[in-house]
Amino acid sequence: MAATLETGDIPLEDSIKIYEEGIQLIEFCEKKLGEAEKKIQKLNRTPGGDFETKPLDDTETPE
């Protein structure tokens, strides 16, 4: 999409349509990413040696 827009060889109306499609794709991807982030959990070892899961904090990154 970006390459097509950057060439400047397409009519303005087509450029606007491609741009709008790109915005819709961004919104779709952000929604899917948000849903995936809610599913990510952190695996911790307890003092007893077992494992437990906790939600991953926004400030942490998976290792």
C-alpha atoms as a PDB file:
ATOM      1  CA  MET A   1       0.000   0.000   0.000  1.00  0.00           C
ATOM      2  CA  ALA A   2       2.652   2.458   1.017  1.00  0.00           C
ATOM      3  CA  ALA A   3       4.719   1.765  -2.082  1.00  0.00           C
ATOM      4  CA  THR A   4       1.688   2.326  -4.298  1.00  0.00           C
ATOM      5  CA  LEU A   5       0.938   5.647  -2.626  1.00  0.00           C
ATOM      6  CA  GLU A   6       4.571   6.763  -2.761  1.00  0.00           C
ATOM      7  CA  THR A   7       4.822   6.353  -6.533  1.00  0.00           C
ATOM      8  CA  GLY A   8       2.308   9.132  -7.077  1.00  0.00           C
ATOM      9  CA  ASP A   9       1.212   7.451 -10.303  1.00  0.00           C
ATOM     10  CA  ILE A  10      -2.382   6.779  -9.261  1.00  0.00           C
ATOM     11  CA  PRO A  11      -5.375   9.127  -9.249  1.00  0.00           C
ATOM     12  CA  LEU A  12      -6.208  11.051  -6.091  1.00  0.00           C
ATOM     13  CA  GLU A  13      -9.456   9.141  -5.518  1.00  0.00           C
ATOM     14  CA  ASP A  14      -7.591   5.825  -5.652  1.00  0.00           C
ATOM     15  CA  SER A  15      -4.963   7.184  -3.251  1.00  0.00           C
ATOM     16  CA  ILE A  16      -7.661   8.186  -0.782  1.00  0.00           C
ATOM     17  CA  LYS A  17      -9.294   4.758  -1.032  1.00  0.00           C
ATOM     18  CA  ILE A  18      -5.978   2.980  -0.413  1.00  0.00           C
ATOM     19  CA  TYR A  19      -5.246   5.302   2.525  1.00  0.00           C
ATOM     20  CA  GLU A  20      -8.652   4.554   4.076  1.00  0.00           C
ATOM     21  CA  GLU A  21      -8.078   0.809   3.647  1.00  0.00           C
ATOM     22  CA  GLY A  22      -4.738   1.204   5.414  1.00  0.00           C
ATOM     23  CA  ILE A  23      -6.384   2.980   8.344  1.00  0.00           C
ATOM     24  CA  GLN A  24      -8.934   0.157   8.627  1.00  0.00           C
ATOM     25  CA  LEU A  25      -6.127  -2.410   8.632  1.00  0.00           C
ATOM     26  CA  ILE A  26      -4.314  -0.518  11.385  1.00  0.00           C
ATOM     27  CA  GLU A  27      -7.459  -0.455  13.523  1.00  0.00           C
ATOM     28  CA  PHE A  28      -8.043  -4.174  12.930  1.00  0.00           C
ATOM     29  CA  CYS A  29      -4.448  -5.040  13.836  1.00  0.00           C
ATOM     30  CA  GLU A  30      -4.499  -2.877  16.975  1.00  0.00           C
ATOM     31  CA  LYS A  31      -7.680  -4.629  18.115  1.00  0.00           C
ATOM     32  CA  LYS A  32      -6.171  -8.089  17.523  1.00  0.00           C
ATOM     33  CA  LEU A  33      -2.956  -7.092  19.291  1.00  0.00           C
ATOM     34  CA  GLY A  34      -4.920  -5.797  22.288  1.00  0.00           C
ATOM     35  CA  GLU A  35      -6.828  -9.076  22.502  1.00  0.00           C
ATOM     36  CA  ALA A  36      -3.581 -11.057  22.348  1.00  0.00           C
ATOM     37  CA  GLU A  37      -1.940  -8.921  25.038  1.00  0.00           C
ATOM     38  CA  LYS A  38      -4.825  -9.684  27.402  1.00  0.00           C
ATOM     39  CA  LYS A  39      -4.076 -13.398  27.013  1.00  0.00           C
ATOM     40  CA  ILE A  40      -0.360 -13.165  27.799  1.00  0.00           C
ATOM     41  CA  GLN A  41       0.548 -14.335  31.263  1.00  0.00           C
ATOM     42  CA  LYS A  42       3.780 -14.457  33.209  1.00  0.00           C
ATOM     43  CA  LEU A  43       4.947 -17.831  34.528  1.00  0.00           C
ATOM     44  CA  ASN A  44       6.486 -17.561  38.018  1.00  0.00           C
ATOM     45  CA  ARG A  45       8.153 -20.195  40.174  1.00  0.00           C
ATOM     46  CA  THR A  46       6.797 -20.256  43.733  1.00  0.00           C
ATOM     47  CA  PRO A  47       9.084 -20.701  46.761  1.00  0.00           C
ATOM     48  CA  GLY A  48       7.895 -24.336  46.872  1.00  0.00           C
ATOM     49  CA  GLY A  49       9.194 -24.941  43.352  1.00  0.00           C
ATOM     50  CA  ASP A  50       5.797 -25.029  41.674  1.00  0.00           C
ATOM     51  CA  PHE A  51       4.712 -22.696  38.906  1.00  0.00           C
ATOM     52  CA  GLU A  52       1.909 -20.158  38.897  1.00  0.00           C
ATOM     53  CA  THR A  53       0.675 -17.753  36.260  1.00  0.00           C
ATOM     54  CA  LYS A  54      -0.003 -14.072  36.714  1.00  0.00           C
ATOM     55  CA  PRO A  55      -1.067 -11.372  34.250  1.00  0.00           C
ATOM     56  CA  LEU A  56       1.921  -9.735  32.583  1.00  0.00           C
ATOM     57  CA  ASP A  57       2.278  -6.125  33.750  1.00  0.00           C
ATOM     58  CA  ASP A  58       2.312  -3.412  31.092  1.00  0.00           C
ATOM     59  CA  THR A  59       5.753  -2.351  32.324  1.00  0.00           C
ATOM     60  CA  GLU A  60       7.272  -5.824  31.924  1.00  0.00           C
ATOM     61  CA  THR A  61       8.407  -7.557  28.774  1.00  0.00           C
ATOM     62  CA  PRO A  62       8.306 -11.331  28.267  1.00  0.00           C
ATOM     63  CA  GLU A  63      11.677 -13.046  28.655  1.00  0.00           C
END
